[in-house]
Amino acid sequence: MKRGLVLGALVILTALSAALAAAARVGQGGNQQPSSGALQVDKVADRLYVLRGGGGNTAAFITTNGVVLVDTKLSGWGKPILDRVKELTDKPVTMIINTHTHFDHVSGNVEFPATVEVITQDNTAKLMREMRAPTGVTNAPQQNIFDENKGRGLPTRTFKDEMTLGKGNDRVELHYFGRAHTSGDAFVVFPSLRVMHTGDVFPNKGIPIIDANNGGSGIEYADTLAGAAALQNIDSVITGHNATTLMMADLKLYTDFIREFTEAVRAAKKAGRTIDDVASTWKVPTRFLEAGYAQPPPDTSGQSMRRLRMNVEVIWNELK
């Protein structure tokens, strides 16, 4: 667990490429074979659990009438999720909420019964039909798992800015505050438990992936996070990939982190510097290092530095 926290910021930088490569290995019978035993189950609050491993963090919320899942991991992990849920409750999975379009958060959808309702933000629903390759992912084939399964697992309901599901202690609130990681990042709130799932708009304590190919925006990123950080009566935060549940204060600090990173790129462009110069010299500010953020390694040929450069370039191209 501790090692996961230390390396978390580096993991997210390669998460999408690794997800695609891992999926390919599974299909070829490699060493990434999904299993329920490979999923770590953490209890966040009464009736709310996080299933870690196999892709993005999956939340399982046990309601009166069934189980609501948030995100379903890589291809092949749907059944392991179902098996793990059966260990927690005898209630069926009735709903899936996908936080965004990426392969490591939605591919398990196709393995659930067709009766399971799938809900996303409007933009994510459109992107899931296309399954575009994320920005910077060029070393693995992009699979459209929904085409391969004749549309099974695609969203059946969508929302624009807000949606409320259920009532009382079973209430789930969905919020959209604008572009960030993609153009359709949804924040999922469990009000009775004071918990929010952010998906990859807050992946962990490190540099995000700004996926311009799927509508992401570096310029709008911090404002989108600020909208979520302003929500009231939330204590705990389930992120897209972090090895532990974080707190609302961590989301607010992450908002500052993204804003400072974006402003550093803005200032560099205004000063006449180059993208490569920024990518090779930018450092995580001290106050974030003290809060557990990781410094990208100095090796400019490494994957993490390529991801850093990619984000700089996305922001650079957005600036007028």
Protein backbone atom coordinates (compact mmCIF):
# COMPACT_ATOMS: atom_id res chain seq x y z
CA MET A 1 0.00 0.00 0.00
CA LYS A 2 2.73 2.44 0.94
CA ARG A 3 4.67 1.59 -2.19
CA GLY A 4 1.53 2.21 -4.25
CA LEU A 5 1.25 5.70 -2.82
CA VAL A 6 4.87 6.54 -3.55
CA LEU A 7 4.67 5.33 -7.13
CA GLY A 8 1.11 6.46 -7.76
CA ALA A 9 2.01 9.62 -9.59
CA LEU A 10 4.14 7.67 -12.03
CA VAL A 11 1.57 4.92 -12.53
CA ILE A 12 -1.10 7.24 -13.91
CA LEU A 13 1.31 8.62 -16.48
CA THR A 14 1.46 5.21 -18.16
CA ALA A 15 -1.97 3.90 -17.16
CA LEU A 16 -3.69 4.15 -20.51
CA SER A 17 -0.83 2.68 -22.53
CA ALA A 18 -0.41 -0.05 -19.94
CA ALA A 19 -4.14 -0.74 -19.99
CA LEU A 20 -4.14 -1.29 -23.72
CA ALA A 21 -1.02 -3.44 -23.59
CA ALA A 22 -2.39 -5.48 -20.67
CA ALA A 23 -5.64 -6.08 -22.50
CA ALA A 24 -3.71 -7.35 -25.49
CA ARG A 25 -1.75 -9.72 -23.23
CA VAL A 26 -4.99 -11.05 -21.71
CA GLY A 27 -6.37 -11.79 -25.14
CA GLN A 28 -3.19 -13.69 -25.95
CA GLY A 29 -3.25 -15.69 -22.73
CA GLY A 30 -0.51 -13.66 -21.04
CA ASN A 31 0.14 -13.16 -17.35
CA GLN A 32 -2.56 -10.51 -16.85
CA GLN A 33 -5.45 -13.00 -16.64
CA PRO A 34 -8.32 -11.36 -14.68
CA SER A 35 -9.54 -13.06 -11.51
CA SER A 36 -11.61 -12.12 -8.49
CA GLY A 37 -8.66 -12.89 -6.26
CA ALA A 38 -6.63 -10.20 -8.00
CA LEU A 39 -9.10 -7.54 -6.88
CA GLN A 40 -8.44 -5.83 -3.56
CA VAL A 41 -11.67 -4.86 -1.79
CA ASP A 42 -11.60 -1.90 0.60
CA LYS A 43 -14.58 -0.79 2.65
CA VAL A 44 -14.97 2.99 2.40
CA ALA A 45 -18.20 3.38 4.36
CA ASP A 46 -21.34 1.45 5.23
CA ARG A 47 -22.55 -0.23 2.01
CA LEU A 48 -19.76 1.33 -0.10
CA TYR A 49 -16.65 -0.53 -1.27
CA VAL A 50 -13.76 0.08 -3.67
CA LEU A 51 -12.44 -2.73 -5.88
CA ARG A 52 -8.82 -2.01 -6.86
CA GLY A 53 -6.86 -3.68 -9.64
CA GLY A 54 -7.63 -4.55 -13.25
CA GLY A 55 -7.88 -0.91 -14.34
CA GLY A 56 -9.51 2.11 -12.73
CA ASN A 57 -10.92 1.98 -9.21
CA THR A 58 -14.43 0.52 -9.17
CA ALA A 59 -16.92 1.60 -6.50
CA ALA A 60 -19.72 -0.75 -5.40
CA PHE A 61 -22.65 0.91 -3.59
CA ILE A 62 -25.20 -1.47 -2.11
CA THR A 63 -28.69 0.04 -2.20
CA THR A 64 -32.07 -1.32 -1.14
CA ASN A 65 -32.85 -2.72 -4.58
CA GLY A 66 -29.43 -3.56 -5.97
CA VAL A 67 -25.80 -2.62 -6.47
CA VAL A 68 -24.64 0.53 -8.24
CA LEU A 69 -21.15 0.23 -9.77
CA VAL A 70 -18.92 3.13 -10.75
CA ASP A 71 -16.58 2.05 -13.59
CA THR A 72 -15.88 -1.51 -14.72
CA LYS A 73 -12.15 -1.75 -15.50
CA LEU A 74 -10.42 -3.46 -18.42
CA SER A 75 -11.83 -6.10 -20.71
CA GLY A 76 -12.19 -9.40 -18.89
CA TRP A 77 -12.71 -7.88 -15.46
CA GLY A 78 -16.52 -7.76 -15.49
CA LYS A 79 -16.96 -11.28 -14.16
CA PRO A 80 -14.32 -10.86 -11.41
CA ILE A 81 -16.17 -7.70 -10.34
CA LEU A 82 -19.45 -9.63 -10.23
CA ASP A 83 -17.83 -12.45 -8.26
CA ARG A 84 -16.43 -10.00 -5.71
CA VAL A 85 -19.76 -8.20 -5.39
CA LYS A 86 -21.45 -11.54 -4.64
CA GLU A 87 -19.13 -11.89 -1.66
CA LEU A 88 -20.44 -8.55 -0.34
CA THR A 89 -24.19 -8.95 -0.97
CA ASP A 90 -26.78 -11.23 -2.56
CA LYS A 91 -28.30 -8.23 -4.37
CA PRO A 92 -27.82 -7.99 -8.14
CA VAL A 93 -25.92 -5.29 -9.97
CA THR A 94 -28.62 -3.02 -11.38
CA MET A 95 -26.69 0.05 -12.55
CA ILE A 96 -23.29 1.07 -13.91
CA ILE A 97 -22.09 4.67 -13.90
CA ASN A 98 -19.04 5.32 -16.08
CA THR A 99 -17.02 8.37 -15.06
CA HIS A 100 -15.48 8.79 -18.53
CA THR A 101 -14.76 6.98 -21.79
CA HIS A 102 -11.34 5.41 -21.24
CA PHE A 103 -10.73 1.75 -21.92
CA ASP A 104 -9.62 0.89 -18.39
CA HIS A 105 -12.87 2.24 -16.90
CA VAL A 106 -15.59 1.05 -19.29
CA SER A 107 -14.55 -2.21 -20.99
CA GLY A 108 -16.02 -4.48 -18.32
CA ASN A 109 -19.48 -3.11 -19.16
CA VAL A 110 -19.97 -5.70 -21.89
CA GLU A 111 -19.76 -8.58 -19.40
CA PHE A 112 -22.80 -7.50 -17.38
CA PRO A 113 -26.41 -8.56 -18.09
CA ALA A 114 -28.20 -6.46 -20.70
CA THR A 115 -30.73 -5.50 -18.01
CA VAL A 116 -28.10 -3.43 -16.16
CA GLU A 117 -28.64 0.29 -16.75
CA VAL A 118 -25.57 2.24 -17.89
CA ILE A 119 -25.40 5.98 -17.18
CA THR A 120 -22.84 8.55 -18.32
CA GLN A 121 -22.49 12.24 -19.07
CA ASP A 122 -23.72 13.21 -22.56
CA ASN A 123 -20.24 13.69 -24.03
CA THR A 124 -18.98 10.40 -22.63
CA ALA A 125 -21.86 8.54 -24.26
CA LYS A 126 -20.80 9.89 -27.66
CA LEU A 127 -17.13 9.12 -27.05
CA MET A 128 -17.85 5.56 -25.92
CA ARG A 129 -19.47 4.84 -29.27
CA GLU A 130 -16.24 5.90 -30.99
CA MET A 131 -13.62 4.69 -28.45
CA ARG A 132 -10.92 7.02 -29.79
CA ALA A 133 -7.29 6.38 -28.87
CA PRO A 134 -6.25 8.66 -25.98
CA THR A 135 -3.77 11.43 -26.71
CA GLY A 136 -0.24 10.05 -26.76
CA VAL A 137 -1.22 6.38 -27.04
CA THR A 138 0.38 5.18 -30.27
CA ASN A 139 2.07 1.92 -29.31
CA ALA A 140 -1.00 -0.33 -29.01
CA PRO A 141 -4.09 -0.98 -31.13
CA GLN A 142 -7.27 0.76 -30.00
CA GLN A 143 -10.07 -1.72 -29.40
CA ASN A 144 -13.73 -0.74 -29.79
CA ILE A 145 -15.12 -3.31 -27.44
CA PHE A 146 -18.66 -2.03 -27.87
CA ASP A 147 -18.62 -2.54 -31.65
CA GLU A 148 -17.25 -6.02 -31.06
CA ASN A 149 -20.19 -6.73 -28.72
CA LYS A 150 -22.88 -5.17 -30.93
CA GLY A 151 -23.38 -2.17 -28.68
CA ARG A 152 -23.78 -4.11 -25.45
CA GLY A 153 -22.66 -2.07 -22.45
CA LEU A 154 -23.13 1.35 -24.06
CA PRO A 155 -24.98 4.04 -22.05
CA THR A 156 -28.75 3.71 -21.84
CA ARG A 157 -29.26 7.02 -20.00
CA THR A 158 -27.27 10.24 -19.98
CA PHE A 159 -27.20 13.59 -18.20
CA LYS A 160 -25.94 17.04 -19.12
CA ASP A 161 -25.01 18.87 -15.89
CA GLU A 162 -26.70 17.05 -13.00
CA MET A 163 -28.72 13.94 -12.28
CA THR A 164 -30.16 12.45 -9.10
CA LEU A 165 -30.70 8.70 -8.78
CA GLY A 166 -32.62 7.06 -5.95
CA LYS A 167 -33.62 8.72 -2.71
CA GLY A 168 -32.90 8.78 0.99
CA ASN A 169 -29.84 6.73 1.96
CA ASP A 170 -29.74 5.26 -1.56
CA ARG A 171 -29.40 8.63 -3.26
CA VAL A 172 -26.63 9.09 -5.83
CA GLU A 173 -25.85 12.48 -7.38
CA LEU A 174 -24.03 12.98 -10.68
CA HIS A 175 -22.29 16.25 -11.52
CA TYR A 176 -20.55 17.64 -14.60
CA PHE A 177 -18.46 20.80 -14.33
CA GLY A 178 -16.76 20.94 -17.73
CA ARG A 179 -13.77 19.63 -19.64
CA ALA A 180 -10.67 18.31 -17.89
CA HIS A 181 -9.25 14.79 -18.32
CA THR A 182 -11.82 14.32 -21.14
CA SER A 183 -14.87 16.28 -22.26
CA GLY A 184 -17.27 14.12 -20.23
CA ASP A 185 -15.83 13.62 -16.73
CA ALA A 186 -18.57 12.81 -14.22
CA PHE A 187 -18.30 13.25 -10.45
CA VAL A 188 -20.35 10.67 -8.54
CA VAL A 189 -21.52 11.60 -5.04
CA PHE A 190 -23.00 9.35 -2.35
CA PRO A 191 -24.58 12.03 -0.10
CA SER A 192 -25.62 9.81 2.80
CA LEU A 193 -22.03 8.58 3.13
CA ARG A 194 -20.32 11.91 2.35
CA VAL A 195 -18.18 10.26 -0.34
CA MET A 196 -17.38 11.24 -3.94
CA HIS A 197 -15.84 9.24 -6.82
CA THR A 198 -13.87 11.46 -9.21
CA GLY A 199 -12.71 9.00 -11.85
CA ASP A 200 -9.52 10.08 -13.58
CA VAL A 201 -10.16 13.81 -13.42
CA PHE A 202 -8.40 13.28 -10.06
CA PRO A 203 -6.40 10.10 -10.68
CA ASN A 204 -3.93 10.37 -7.80
CA LYS A 205 -1.28 12.76 -6.52
CA GLY A 206 0.55 13.45 -9.74
CA ILE A 207 0.50 14.79 -13.27
CA PRO A 208 -2.79 13.92 -14.97
CA ILE A 209 -3.36 12.77 -18.52
CA ILE A 210 -5.03 15.56 -20.48
CA ASP A 211 -6.66 13.65 -23.31
CA ALA A 212 -7.28 16.20 -26.05
CA ASN A 213 -8.30 13.44 -28.48
CA ASN A 214 -11.30 12.81 -26.23
CA GLY A 215 -12.08 16.47 -25.57
CA GLY A 216 -9.85 17.05 -22.55
CA SER A 217 -8.63 20.55 -21.71
CA GLY A 218 -5.63 21.77 -19.74
CA ILE A 219 -6.93 25.34 -19.66
CA GLU A 220 -10.31 24.34 -18.22
CA TYR A 221 -9.02 21.53 -15.99
CA ALA A 222 -8.54 23.50 -12.75
CA ASP A 223 -11.92 25.25 -13.03
CA THR A 224 -13.62 21.88 -13.51
CA LEU A 225 -11.92 20.56 -10.39
CA ALA A 226 -12.86 23.72 -8.50
CA GLY A 227 -16.52 23.03 -9.26
CA ALA A 228 -16.26 19.62 -7.63
CA ALA A 229 -14.16 20.93 -4.75
CA ALA A 230 -16.92 23.44 -3.94
CA LEU A 231 -19.49 20.70 -3.32
CA GLN A 232 -20.63 20.59 0.30
CA ASN A 233 -20.89 17.78 2.84
CA ILE A 234 -18.26 15.49 1.32
CA ASP A 235 -15.42 14.07 3.39
CA SER A 236 -13.86 11.19 1.43
CA VAL A 237 -12.77 10.96 -2.20
CA ILE A 238 -12.33 7.82 -4.30
CA THR A 239 -9.94 8.67 -7.11
CA GLY A 240 -9.40 6.99 -10.46
CA HIS A 241 -6.25 5.06 -9.56
CA ASN A 242 -4.92 5.94 -6.11
CA ALA A 243 -4.15 3.01 -3.83
CA THR A 244 -6.08 4.56 -0.93
CA THR A 245 -9.15 6.71 -0.46
CA LEU A 246 -8.27 10.39 -0.08
CA MET A 247 -9.99 13.40 1.49
CA MET A 248 -11.76 16.47 0.17
CA ALA A 249 -8.74 18.54 1.19
CA ASP A 250 -6.67 16.45 -1.23
CA LEU A 251 -9.02 17.34 -4.09
CA LYS A 252 -8.72 21.02 -3.25
CA LEU A 253 -4.93 20.76 -3.21
CA TYR A 254 -5.00 18.91 -6.53
CA THR A 255 -7.00 21.80 -7.96
CA ASP A 256 -4.17 24.13 -6.93
CA PHE A 257 -1.62 21.73 -8.39
CA ILE A 258 -3.28 21.68 -11.81
CA ARG A 259 -3.76 25.45 -11.80
CA GLU A 260 -0.10 26.09 -10.96
CA PHE A 261 1.06 23.64 -13.62
CA THR A 262 -1.15 25.29 -16.23
CA GLU A 263 0.01 28.77 -15.27
CA ALA A 264 3.64 27.66 -15.47
CA VAL A 265 3.07 26.59 -19.07
CA ARG A 266 1.25 29.84 -19.81
CA ALA A 267 4.10 31.93 -18.40
CA ALA A 268 6.69 29.93 -20.31
CA LYS A 269 4.93 30.42 -23.63
CA LYS A 270 4.54 34.13 -22.97
CA ALA A 271 8.28 34.33 -22.20
CA GLY A 272 9.15 32.77 -25.55
CA ARG A 273 10.34 29.40 -24.24
CA THR A 274 9.71 26.09 -26.03
CA ILE A 275 7.58 23.07 -25.21
CA ASP A 276 10.66 20.86 -24.85
CA ASP A 277 12.29 23.39 -22.57
CA VAL A 278 9.29 23.43 -20.24
CA ALA A 279 8.93 19.64 -20.24
CA SER A 280 12.60 19.09 -19.40
CA THR A 281 12.87 21.72 -16.67
CA TRP A 282 9.50 21.84 -14.88
CA LYS A 283 9.55 20.51 -11.31
CA VAL A 284 6.77 19.70 -8.88
CA PRO A 285 6.61 22.63 -6.43
CA THR A 286 7.85 21.91 -2.91
CA ARG A 287 4.51 22.23 -1.17
CA PHE A 288 3.08 19.43 -3.32
CA LEU A 289 6.13 17.22 -2.78
CA GLU A 290 5.57 17.67 0.95
CA ALA A 291 1.98 16.50 0.44
CA GLY A 292 3.09 13.23 -1.15
CA TYR A 293 3.31 14.14 -4.83
CA ALA A 294 6.09 12.49 -6.85
CA GLN A 295 8.68 14.30 -8.95
CA PRO A 296 8.89 12.99 -12.54
CA PRO A 297 12.33 11.40 -13.12
CA PRO A 298 14.96 13.40 -14.99
CA ASP A 299 15.28 10.82 -17.79
CA THR A 300 13.77 12.70 -20.73
CA SER A 301 13.44 9.49 -22.74
CA GLY A 302 11.18 7.85 -20.16
CA GLN A 303 7.43 7.34 -20.49
CA SER A 304 6.59 9.67 -17.60
CA MET A 305 8.53 12.52 -19.18
CA ARG A 306 6.80 11.90 -22.51
CA ARG A 307 3.48 12.19 -20.69
CA LEU A 308 4.63 15.42 -19.06
CA ARG A 309 5.62 16.81 -22.45
CA MET A 310 2.30 15.71 -23.93
CA ASN A 311 0.40 17.66 -21.27
CA VAL A 312 2.57 20.72 -21.81
CA GLU A 313 1.86 20.52 -25.53
CA VAL A 314 -1.90 20.16 -25.01
CA ILE A 315 -1.99 23.28 -22.81
CA TRP A 316 0.39 25.13 -25.15
CA ASN A 317 -1.87 24.50 -28.14
CA GLU A 318 -4.92 25.74 -26.23
CA LEU A 319 -3.30 29.04 -25.28
CA LYS A 320 -4.04 31.98 -27.55
